[in-house]
Amino acid sequence: RSRDRGRAIVATILRDPIEMVSKSAVVALVDRI
């Protein structure tokens, strides 16, 4: 229910060196929400 950590999680995932892995995860998060 809380979105407090959402930005931090996205920022952390986007640091992944493989762009396709990180972007897919972020898109999945936005889609689920």
PDB file of all heavy atoms in Angstrom:
ATOM      1  N   ARG A   1       0.826  -1.214   0.000  1.00  0.00           N
ATOM      2  CA  ARG A   1       0.000   0.000   0.000  1.00  0.00           C
ATOM      3  C   ARG A   1       0.857   1.259   0.000  1.00  0.00           C
ATOM      4  O   ARG A   1       0.465   2.293  -0.496  1.00  0.00           O
ATOM      5  CB  ARG A   1      -0.921   0.022   1.219  1.00  0.00           C
ATOM      6  CG  ARG A   1      -2.017  -0.999   1.145  1.00  0.00           C
ATOM      7  CD  ARG A   1      -2.943  -0.818   2.343  1.00  0.00           C
ATOM      8  NE  ARG A   1      -4.093  -1.656   2.218  1.00  0.00           N
ATOM      9  CZ  ARG A   1      -5.242  -1.260   1.688  1.00  0.00           C
ATOM     10  NH1 ARG A   1      -5.366  -0.036   1.254  1.00  0.00           N
ATOM     11  NH2 ARG A   1      -6.257  -2.089   1.612  1.00  0.00           N
ATOM     12  N   SER A   2       2.031   1.150   0.569  1.00  0.00           N
ATOM     13  CA  SER A   2       2.922   2.301   0.688  1.00  0.00           C
ATOM     14  C   SER A   2       3.767   2.466  -0.571  1.00  0.00           C
ATOM     15  O   SER A   2       4.280   1.501  -1.122  1.00  0.00           O
ATOM     16  CB  SER A   2       3.850   2.113   1.894  1.00  0.00           C
ATOM     17  OG  SER A   2       4.820   3.129   1.916  1.00  0.00           O
ATOM     18  N   ARG A   3       3.917   3.674  -1.020  1.00  0.00           N
ATOM     19  CA  ARG A   3       4.763   3.991  -2.174  1.00  0.00           C
ATOM     20  C   ARG A   3       6.045   4.692  -1.719  1.00  0.00           C
ATOM     21  O   ARG A   3       6.794   5.227  -2.532  1.00  0.00           O
ATOM     22  CB  ARG A   3       4.020   4.890  -3.172  1.00  0.00           C
ATOM     23  CG  ARG A   3       2.817   4.246  -3.788  1.00  0.00           C
ATOM     24  CD  ARG A   3       3.216   3.222  -4.837  1.00  0.00           C
ATOM     25  NE  ARG A   3       2.102   2.342  -5.107  1.00  0.00           N
ATOM     26  CZ  ARG A   3       2.099   1.052  -4.838  1.00  0.00           C
ATOM     27  NH1 ARG A   3       3.137   0.480  -4.294  1.00  0.00           N
ATOM     28  NH2 ARG A   3       1.048   0.310  -5.094  1.00  0.00           N
ATOM     29  N   ASP A   4       6.303   4.682  -0.425  1.00  0.00           N
ATOM     30  CA  ASP A   4       7.455   5.398   0.119  1.00  0.00           C
ATOM     31  C   ASP A   4       8.786   4.942  -0.462  1.00  0.00           C
ATOM     32  O   ASP A   4       9.660   5.744  -0.724  1.00  0.00           O
ATOM     33  CB  ASP A   4       7.499   5.262   1.644  1.00  0.00           C
ATOM     34  CG  ASP A   4       6.316   5.928   2.320  1.00  0.00           C
ATOM     35  OD1 ASP A   4       5.683   6.795   1.689  1.00  0.00           O
ATOM     36  OD2 ASP A   4       6.022   5.579   3.477  1.00  0.00           O
ATOM     37  N   ARG A   5       8.948   3.644  -0.667  1.00  0.00           N
ATOM     38  CA  ARG A   5      10.224   3.125  -1.136  1.00  0.00           C
ATOM     39  C   ARG A   5      10.302   3.015  -2.653  1.00  0.00           C
ATOM     40  O   ARG A   5      11.347   2.669  -3.187  1.00  0.00           O
ATOM     41  CB  ARG A   5      10.469   1.746  -0.511  1.00  0.00           C
ATOM     42  CG  ARG A   5      10.635   1.809   0.995  1.00  0.00           C
ATOM     43  CD  ARG A   5      11.220   0.548   1.588  1.00  0.00           C
ATOM     44  NE  ARG A   5      12.530   0.281   1.035  1.00  0.00           N
ATOM     45  CZ  ARG A   5      12.861  -0.864   0.430  1.00  0.00           C
ATOM     46  NH1 ARG A   5      11.998  -1.824   0.315  1.00  0.00           N
ATOM     47  NH2 ARG A   5      14.085  -1.044  -0.039  1.00  0.00           N
ATOM     48  N   GLY A   6       9.226   3.284  -3.354  1.00  0.00           N
ATOM     49  CA  GLY A   6       9.183   3.084  -4.797  1.00  0.00           C
ATOM     50  C   GLY A   6      10.288   3.781  -5.562  1.00  0.00           C
ATOM     51  O   GLY A   6      10.941   3.174  -6.417  1.00  0.00           O
ATOM     52  N   ARG A   7      10.517   5.033  -5.275  1.00  0.00           N
ATOM     53  CA  ARG A   7      11.559   5.787  -5.998  1.00  0.00           C
ATOM     54  C   ARG A   7      12.941   5.214  -5.735  1.00  0.00           C
ATOM     55  O   ARG A   7      13.759   5.100  -6.647  1.00  0.00           O
ATOM     56  CB  ARG A   7      11.522   7.256  -5.607  1.00  0.00           C
ATOM     57  CG  ARG A   7      10.361   7.994  -6.189  1.00  0.00           C
ATOM     58  CD  ARG A   7      10.464   9.482  -5.893  1.00  0.00           C
ATOM     59  NE  ARG A   7       9.298  10.146  -6.409  1.00  0.00           N
ATOM     60  CZ  ARG A   7       8.514  10.924  -5.701  1.00  0.00           C
ATOM     61  NH1 ARG A   7       8.773  11.164  -4.444  1.00  0.00           N
ATOM     62  NH2 ARG A   7       7.466  11.492  -6.252  1.00  0.00           N
ATOM     63  N   ALA A   8      13.197   4.854  -4.487  1.00  0.00           N
ATOM     64  CA  ALA A   8      14.502   4.290  -4.143  1.00  0.00           C
ATOM     65  C   ALA A   8      14.713   2.942  -4.829  1.00  0.00           C
ATOM     66  O   ALA A   8      15.817   2.644  -5.305  1.00  0.00           O
ATOM     67  CB  ALA A   8      14.626   4.141  -2.628  1.00  0.00           C
ATOM     68  N   ILE A   9      13.660   2.144  -4.897  1.00  0.00           N
ATOM     69  CA  ILE A   9      13.762   0.851  -5.561  1.00  0.00           C
ATOM     70  C   ILE A   9      14.029   1.034  -7.054  1.00  0.00           C
ATOM     71  O   ILE A   9      14.889   0.372  -7.629  1.00  0.00           O
ATOM     72  CB  ILE A   9      12.496   0.013  -5.300  1.00  0.00           C
ATOM     73  CG1 ILE A   9      12.490  -0.426  -3.842  1.00  0.00           C
ATOM     74  CG2 ILE A   9      12.404  -1.180  -6.238  1.00  0.00           C
ATOM     75  CD1 ILE A   9      11.187  -1.019  -3.372  1.00  0.00           C
ATOM     76  N   VAL A  10      13.311   1.950  -7.679  1.00  0.00           N
ATOM     77  CA  VAL A  10      13.529   2.226  -9.105  1.00  0.00           C
ATOM     78  C   VAL A  10      14.959   2.720  -9.331  1.00  0.00           C
ATOM     79  O   VAL A  10      15.642   2.249 -10.247  1.00  0.00           O
ATOM     80  CB  VAL A  10      12.496   3.246  -9.640  1.00  0.00           C
ATOM     81  CG1 VAL A  10      12.893   3.765 -11.011  1.00  0.00           C
ATOM     82  CG2 VAL A  10      11.115   2.613  -9.689  1.00  0.00           C
ATOM     83  N   ALA A  11      15.414   3.641  -8.509  1.00  0.00           N
ATOM     84  CA  ALA A  11      16.773   4.171  -8.665  1.00  0.00           C
ATOM     85  C   ALA A  11      17.811   3.057  -8.518  1.00  0.00           C
ATOM     86  O   ALA A  11      18.798   3.012  -9.268  1.00  0.00           O
ATOM     87  CB  ALA A  11      17.030   5.276  -7.648  1.00  0.00           C
ATOM     88  N   THR A  12      17.583   2.162  -7.572  1.00  0.00           N
ATOM     89  CA  THR A  12      18.512   1.060  -7.359  1.00  0.00           C
ATOM     90  C   THR A  12      18.508   0.109  -8.545  1.00  0.00           C
ATOM     91  O   THR A  12      19.566  -0.289  -9.046  1.00  0.00           O
ATOM     92  CB  THR A  12      18.155   0.292  -6.065  1.00  0.00           C
ATOM     93  OG1 THR A  12      18.193   1.203  -4.969  1.00  0.00           O
ATOM     94  CG2 THR A  12      19.114  -0.848  -5.813  1.00  0.00           C
ATOM     95  N   ILE A  13      17.341  -0.258  -9.032  1.00  0.00           N
ATOM     96  CA  ILE A  13      17.250  -1.170 -10.177  1.00  0.00           C
ATOM     97  C   ILE A  13      17.883  -0.543 -11.418  1.00  0.00           C
ATOM     98  O   ILE A  13      18.575  -1.222 -12.181  1.00  0.00           O
ATOM     99  CB  ILE A  13      15.786  -1.576 -10.437  1.00  0.00           C
ATOM    100  CG1 ILE A  13      15.274  -2.487  -9.304  1.00  0.00           C
ATOM    101  CG2 ILE A  13      15.640  -2.265 -11.778  1.00  0.00           C
ATOM    102  CD1 ILE A  13      13.794  -2.795  -9.371  1.00  0.00           C
ATOM    103  N   LEU A  14      17.692   0.751 -11.609  1.00  0.00           N
ATOM    104  CA  LEU A  14      18.243   1.409 -12.802  1.00  0.00           C
ATOM    105  C   LEU A  14      19.771   1.488 -12.800  1.00  0.00           C
ATOM    106  O   LEU A  14      20.374   1.767 -13.835  1.00  0.00           O
ATOM    107  CB  LEU A  14      17.640   2.803 -12.977  1.00  0.00           C
ATOM    108  CG  LEU A  14      16.193   2.812 -13.463  1.00  0.00           C
ATOM    109  CD1 LEU A  14      15.663   4.239 -13.502  1.00  0.00           C
ATOM    110  CD2 LEU A  14      16.056   2.146 -14.830  1.00  0.00           C
ATOM    111  N   ARG A  15      20.391   1.207 -11.665  1.00  0.00           N
ATOM    112  CA  ARG A  15      21.862   1.164 -11.626  1.00  0.00           C
ATOM    113  C   ARG A  15      22.410  -0.147 -12.193  1.00  0.00           C
ATOM    114  O   ARG A  15      23.618  -0.286 -12.381  1.00  0.00           O
ATOM    115  CB  ARG A  15      22.367   1.351 -10.190  1.00  0.00           C
ATOM    116  CG  ARG A  15      22.286   2.770  -9.698  1.00  0.00           C
ATOM    117  CD  ARG A  15      23.129   2.998  -8.454  1.00  0.00           C
ATOM    118  NE  ARG A  15      22.642   2.273  -7.292  1.00  0.00           N
ATOM    119  CZ  ARG A  15      21.877   2.795  -6.328  1.00  0.00           C
ATOM    120  NH1 ARG A  15      21.495   4.049  -6.403  1.00  0.00           N
ATOM    121  NH2 ARG A  15      21.517   2.067  -5.301  1.00  0.00           N
ATOM    122  N   ASP A  16      21.550  -1.099 -12.479  1.00  0.00           N
ATOM    123  CA  ASP A  16      21.999  -2.375 -13.033  1.00  0.00           C
ATOM    124  C   ASP A  16      22.742  -2.117 -14.338  1.00  0.00           C
ATOM    125  O   ASP A  16      22.268  -1.344 -15.175  1.00  0.00           O
ATOM    126  CB  ASP A  16      20.804  -3.300 -13.285  1.00  0.00           C
ATOM    127  CG  ASP A  16      21.228  -4.719 -13.598  1.00  0.00           C
ATOM    128  OD1 ASP A  16      21.741  -4.975 -14.708  1.00  0.00           O
ATOM    129  OD2 ASP A  16      21.058  -5.571 -12.724  1.00  0.00           O
ATOM    130  N   PRO A  17      23.878  -2.765 -14.541  1.00  0.00           N
ATOM    131  CA  PRO A  17      24.663  -2.492 -15.747  1.00  0.00           C
ATOM    132  C   PRO A  17      24.036  -3.006 -17.046  1.00  0.00           C
ATOM    133  O   PRO A  17      24.419  -2.558 -18.128  1.00  0.00           O
ATOM    134  CB  PRO A  17      25.992  -3.208 -15.476  1.00  0.00           C
ATOM    135  CG  PRO A  17      25.676  -4.252 -14.468  1.00  0.00           C
ATOM    136  CD  PRO A  17      24.549  -3.692 -13.635  1.00  0.00           C
ATOM    137  N   ILE A  18      23.075  -3.905 -16.949  1.00  0.00           N
ATOM    138  CA  ILE A  18      22.420  -4.408 -18.155  1.00  0.00           C
ATOM    139  C   ILE A  18      21.091  -3.689 -18.300  1.00  0.00           C
ATOM    140  O   ILE A  18      20.131  -3.932 -17.566  1.00  0.00           O
ATOM    141  CB  ILE A  18      22.250  -5.940 -18.105  1.00  0.00           C
ATOM    142  CG1 ILE A  18      23.632  -6.577 -17.995  1.00  0.00           C
ATOM    143  CG2 ILE A  18      21.504  -6.443 -19.339  1.00  0.00           C
ATOM    144  CD1 ILE A  18      23.642  -8.068 -17.903  1.00  0.00           C
ATOM    145  N   GLU A  19      21.064  -2.774 -19.249  1.00  0.00           N
ATOM    146  CA  GLU A  19      19.927  -1.880 -19.425  1.00  0.00           C
ATOM    147  C   GLU A  19      18.602  -2.616 -19.625  1.00  0.00           C
ATOM    148  O   GLU A  19      17.576  -2.234 -19.071  1.00  0.00           O
ATOM    149  CB  GLU A  19      20.196  -0.952 -20.607  1.00  0.00           C
ATOM    150  CG  GLU A  19      19.159   0.105 -20.811  1.00  0.00           C
ATOM    151  CD  GLU A  19      19.525   1.054 -21.952  1.00  0.00           C
ATOM    152  OE1 GLU A  19      20.412   0.730 -22.760  1.00  0.00           O
ATOM    153  OE2 GLU A  19      18.895   2.117 -22.021  1.00  0.00           O
ATOM    154  N   MET A  20      18.603  -3.692 -20.396  1.00  0.00           N
ATOM    155  CA  MET A  20      17.364  -4.428 -20.656  1.00  0.00           C
ATOM    156  C   MET A  20      16.804  -5.034 -19.367  1.00  0.00           C
ATOM    157  O   MET A  20      15.596  -5.041 -19.159  1.00  0.00           O
ATOM    158  CB  MET A  20      17.608  -5.526 -21.691  1.00  0.00           C
ATOM    159  CG  MET A  20      16.347  -6.249 -22.077  1.00  0.00           C
ATOM    160  SD  MET A  20      15.117  -5.125 -22.778  1.00  0.00           S
ATOM    161  CE  MET A  20      15.408  -5.387 -24.480  1.00  0.00           C
ATOM    162  N   VAL A  21      17.666  -5.508 -18.508  1.00  0.00           N
ATOM    163  CA  VAL A  21      17.231  -6.092 -17.230  1.00  0.00           C
ATOM    164  C   VAL A  21      16.598  -5.009 -16.362  1.00  0.00           C
ATOM    165  O   VAL A  21      15.505  -5.192 -15.818  1.00  0.00           O
ATOM    166  CB  VAL A  21      18.423  -6.763 -16.499  1.00  0.00           C
ATOM    167  CG1 VAL A  21      18.052  -7.154 -15.080  1.00  0.00           C
ATOM    168  CG2 VAL A  21      18.912  -7.973 -17.276  1.00  0.00           C
ATOM    169  N   SER A  22      17.268  -3.882 -16.239  1.00  0.00           N
ATOM    170  CA  SER A  22      16.771  -2.827 -15.361  1.00  0.00           C
ATOM    171  C   SER A  22      15.490  -2.189 -15.899  1.00  0.00           C
ATOM    172  O   SER A  22      14.523  -2.009 -15.155  1.00  0.00           O
ATOM    173  CB  SER A  22      17.842  -1.762 -15.125  1.00  0.00           C
ATOM    174  OG  SER A  22      18.200  -1.119 -16.328  1.00  0.00           O
ATOM    175  N   LYS A  23      15.467  -1.885 -17.177  1.00  0.00           N
ATOM    176  CA  LYS A  23      14.276  -1.245 -17.743  1.00  0.00           C
ATOM    177  C   LYS A  23      13.067  -2.170 -17.709  1.00  0.00           C
ATOM    178  O   LYS A  23      11.948  -1.726 -17.458  1.00  0.00           O
ATOM    179  CB  LYS A  23      14.550  -0.753 -19.161  1.00  0.00           C
ATOM    180  CG  LYS A  23      15.411   0.496 -19.185  1.00  0.00           C
ATOM    181  CD  LYS A  23      15.550   1.055 -20.571  1.00  0.00           C
ATOM    182  CE  LYS A  23      16.325   2.358 -20.544  1.00  0.00           C
ATOM    183  NZ  LYS A  23      16.450   2.940 -21.879  1.00  0.00           N
ATOM    184  N   SER A  24      13.276  -3.450 -17.966  1.00  0.00           N
ATOM    185  CA  SER A  24      12.166  -4.405 -17.902  1.00  0.00           C
ATOM    186  C   SER A  24      11.571  -4.456 -16.507  1.00  0.00           C
ATOM    187  O   SER A  24      10.347  -4.509 -16.342  1.00  0.00           O
ATOM    188  CB  SER A  24      12.646  -5.804 -18.303  1.00  0.00           C
ATOM    189  OG  SER A  24      13.049  -5.822 -19.638  1.00  0.00           O
ATOM    190  N   ALA A  25      12.416  -4.432 -15.497  1.00  0.00           N
ATOM    191  CA  ALA A  25      11.933  -4.476 -14.114  1.00  0.00           C
ATOM    192  C   ALA A  25      11.157  -3.217 -13.755  1.00  0.00           C
ATOM    193  O   ALA A  25      10.100  -3.284 -13.118  1.00  0.00           O
ATOM    194  CB  ALA A  25      13.105  -4.670 -13.157  1.00  0.00           C
ATOM    195  N   VAL A  26      11.648  -2.070 -14.185  1.00  0.00           N
ATOM    196  CA  VAL A  26      10.966  -0.806 -13.880  1.00  0.00           C
ATOM    197  C   VAL A  26       9.626  -0.730 -14.611  1.00  0.00           C
ATOM    198  O   VAL A  26       8.610  -0.326 -14.024  1.00  0.00           O
ATOM    199  CB  VAL A  26      11.864   0.401 -14.218  1.00  0.00           C
ATOM    200  CG1 VAL A  26      11.094   1.708 -14.103  1.00  0.00           C
ATOM    201  CG2 VAL A  26      13.077   0.422 -13.285  1.00  0.00           C
ATOM    202  N   VAL A  27       9.592  -1.150 -15.865  1.00  0.00           N
ATOM    203  CA  VAL A  27       8.326  -1.160 -16.610  1.00  0.00           C
ATOM    204  C   VAL A  27       7.334  -2.103 -15.930  1.00  0.00           C
ATOM    205  O   VAL A  27       6.151  -1.783 -15.800  1.00  0.00           O
ATOM    206  CB  VAL A  27       8.557  -1.551 -18.082  1.00  0.00           C
ATOM    207  CG1 VAL A  27       7.248  -1.859 -18.792  1.00  0.00           C
ATOM    208  CG2 VAL A  27       9.291  -0.428 -18.809  1.00  0.00           C
ATOM    209  N   ALA A  28       7.804  -3.257 -15.481  1.00  0.00           N
ATOM    210  CA  ALA A  28       6.926  -4.206 -14.789  1.00  0.00           C
ATOM    211  C   ALA A  28       6.364  -3.595 -13.503  1.00  0.00           C
ATOM    212  O   ALA A  28       5.190  -3.776 -13.186  1.00  0.00           O
ATOM    213  CB  ALA A  28       7.683  -5.493 -14.473  1.00  0.00           C
ATOM    214  N   LEU A  29       7.182  -2.848 -12.779  1.00  0.00           N
ATOM    215  CA  LEU A  29       6.717  -2.199 -11.551  1.00  0.00           C
ATOM    216  C   LEU A  29       5.639  -1.167 -11.860  1.00  0.00           C
ATOM    217  O   LEU A  29       4.572  -1.160 -11.240  1.00  0.00           O
ATOM    218  CB  LEU A  29       7.883  -1.540 -10.813  1.00  0.00           C
ATOM    219  CG  LEU A  29       7.519  -0.750  -9.558  1.00  0.00           C
ATOM    220  CD1 LEU A  29       6.839  -1.636  -8.519  1.00  0.00           C
ATOM    221  CD2 LEU A  29       8.757  -0.083  -8.976  1.00  0.00           C
ATOM    222  N   VAL A  30       5.902  -0.312 -12.829  1.00  0.00           N
ATOM    223  CA  VAL A  30       4.925   0.712 -13.202  1.00  0.00           C
ATOM    224  C   VAL A  30       3.629   0.055 -13.685  1.00  0.00           C
ATOM    225  O   VAL A  30       2.521   0.466 -13.312  1.00  0.00           O
ATOM    226  CB  VAL A  30       5.507   1.657 -14.279  1.00  0.00           C
ATOM    227  CG1 VAL A  30       4.438   2.586 -14.831  1.00  0.00           C
ATOM    228  CG2 VAL A  30       6.673   2.453 -13.704  1.00  0.00           C
ATOM    229  N   ASP A  31       3.758  -0.992 -14.478  1.00  0.00           N
ATOM    230  CA  ASP A  31       2.591  -1.701 -14.995  1.00  0.00           C
ATOM    231  C   ASP A  31       1.766  -2.307 -13.860  1.00  0.00           C
ATOM    232  O   ASP A  31       0.543  -2.177 -13.834  1.00  0.00           O
ATOM    233  CB  ASP A  31       3.045  -2.784 -15.974  1.00  0.00           C
ATOM    234  CG  ASP A  31       1.889  -3.426 -16.701  1.00  0.00           C
ATOM    235  OD1 ASP A  31       1.014  -2.683 -17.201  1.00  0.00           O
ATOM    236  OD2 ASP A  31       1.858  -4.669 -16.774  1.00  0.00           O
ATOM    237  N   ARG A  32       2.421  -2.950 -12.920  1.00  0.00           N
ATOM    238  CA  ARG A  32       1.705  -3.565 -11.788  1.00  0.00           C
ATOM    239  C   ARG A  32       0.986  -2.517 -10.952  1.00  0.00           C
ATOM    240  O   ARG A  32      -0.146  -2.722 -10.522  1.00  0.00           O
ATOM    241  CB  ARG A  32       2.676  -4.335 -10.908  1.00  0.00           C
ATOM    242  CG  ARG A  32       3.208  -5.562 -11.555  1.00  0.00           C
ATOM    243  CD  ARG A  32       2.487  -6.737 -11.007  1.00  0.00           C
ATOM    244  NE  ARG A  32       2.992  -7.918 -11.663  1.00  0.00           N
ATOM    245  CZ  ARG A  32       2.347  -9.043 -11.712  1.00  0.00           C
ATOM    246  NH1 ARG A  32       1.174  -9.138 -11.148  1.00  0.00           N
ATOM    247  NH2 ARG A  32       2.850 -10.069 -12.322  1.00  0.00           N
ATOM    248  N   ILE A  33       1.660  -1.414 -10.679  1.00  0.00           N
ATOM    249  CA  ILE A  33       1.034  -0.358  -9.879  1.00  0.00           C
ATOM    250  C   ILE A  33      -0.154   0.230 -10.631  1.00  0.00           C
ATOM    251  O   ILE A  33      -1.219   0.451 -10.059  1.00  0.00           O
ATOM    252  CB  ILE A  33       2.067   0.732  -9.514  1.00  0.00           C
ATOM    253  CG1 ILE A  33       3.091   0.152  -8.526  1.00  0.00           C
ATOM    254  CG2 ILE A  33       1.380   1.960  -8.926  1.00  0.00           C
ATOM    255  CD1 ILE A  33       4.290   1.052  -8.275  1.00  0.00           C
TER     256      ILE A  33
END
